Amino acid sequence: MKPTHYEITVRGRIGPSIAEAFEDLSVCVTPTQTVLRGQIPDQAALHGVLERIESLGLELLDVRRADPLTRAEANER
């Protein structure tokens, strides 16, 4: 099965120490939310990321499939 790219949005700004918990995902912090984006290999791994979000006390706002970023787009984030 081919990995799927996801964009997961949580409320608030997460700091570097919490961002380390999502080392396989890119982290884009805005004034009101944080977007985690990247390739997740399967449903079990997606559930693992969602469980990590919950265990860290983060409020999940959105989970969606996303198109992979080009290298230039990734550098802009």
Protein backbone atom coordinates (compact mmCIF):
# COMPACT_ATOMS: atom_id res chain seq x y z
CA MET A 1 0.00 0.00 0.00
CA LYS A 2 1.28 3.47 -0.94
CA PRO A 3 1.79 6.01 1.88
CA THR A 4 -0.63 8.93 1.99
CA HIS A 5 0.20 12.57 2.66
CA TYR A 6 -1.81 14.19 5.45
CA GLU A 7 -2.30 17.65 6.87
CA ILE A 8 -3.25 17.62 10.55
CA THR A 9 -4.20 20.89 12.26
CA VAL A 10 -4.16 21.47 16.02
CA ARG A 11 -5.21 24.56 17.96
CA GLY A 12 -2.46 26.85 19.21
CA ARG A 13 1.24 27.18 18.69
CA ILE A 14 3.36 24.20 19.67
CA GLY A 15 6.92 24.72 20.80
CA PRO A 16 10.07 22.96 19.62
CA SER A 17 10.00 20.31 22.36
CA ILE A 18 6.49 19.17 21.42
CA ALA A 19 7.28 19.43 17.70
CA GLU A 20 10.04 16.84 18.28
CA ALA A 21 7.29 14.30 19.02
CA PHE A 22 6.32 14.61 15.36
CA GLU A 23 9.81 14.28 13.87
CA ASP A 24 8.58 12.57 10.69
CA LEU A 25 6.21 15.45 9.88
CA SER A 26 6.86 19.06 8.91
CA VAL A 27 5.56 21.57 11.44
CA CYS A 28 4.15 24.94 10.38
CA VAL A 29 3.21 27.24 13.26
CA THR A 30 0.83 30.15 12.65
CA PRO A 31 -0.47 32.67 15.21
CA THR A 32 -3.52 30.53 16.08
CA GLN A 33 -2.74 26.96 15.05
CA THR A 34 -0.08 24.44 14.09
CA VAL A 35 -0.20 22.32 10.94
CA LEU A 36 1.59 18.97 10.83
CA ARG A 37 2.13 17.77 7.30
CA GLY A 38 3.76 14.74 5.79
CA GLN A 39 3.66 11.20 4.58
CA ILE A 40 2.05 8.62 6.85
CA PRO A 41 2.50 4.99 5.75
CA ASP A 42 -0.85 3.51 6.79
CA GLN A 43 -3.95 3.79 8.96
CA ALA A 44 -2.19 2.33 12.01
CA ALA A 45 0.51 5.01 11.80
CA LEU A 46 -2.16 7.73 11.38
CA HIS A 47 -3.90 6.49 14.52
CA GLY A 48 -0.53 6.60 16.30
CA VAL A 49 -0.08 10.26 15.36
CA LEU A 50 -3.61 11.07 16.51
CA GLU A 51 -3.02 9.26 19.82
CA ARG A 52 0.21 11.24 20.30
CA ILE A 53 -1.75 14.48 19.74
CA GLU A 54 -4.27 13.42 22.37
CA SER A 55 -1.62 12.30 24.87
CA LEU A 56 0.11 15.69 24.58
CA GLY A 57 -3.18 17.45 25.37
CA LEU A 58 -3.41 19.14 21.97
CA GLU A 59 -6.80 20.03 20.51
CA LEU A 60 -7.29 18.41 17.10
CA LEU A 61 -9.01 20.73 14.62
CA ASP A 62 -8.71 18.95 11.27
CA VAL A 63 -7.28 15.90 9.52
CA ARG A 64 -7.21 15.77 5.74
CA ARG A 65 -5.42 14.07 2.92
CA ALA A 66 -3.06 16.44 1.17
CA ASP A 67 -1.04 16.57 -2.01
CA PRO A 68 2.67 16.10 -1.42
CA LEU A 69 4.61 19.36 -1.21
CA THR A 70 7.19 20.07 -3.82
CA ARG A 71 10.64 20.79 -2.41
CA ALA A 72 10.21 24.54 -3.10
CA GLU A 73 6.85 24.62 -1.29
CA ALA A 74 8.32 22.79 1.68
CA ASN A 75 11.11 25.36 1.94
CA GLU A 76 8.56 28.21 2.01
CA ARG A 77 6.81 26.79 5.08
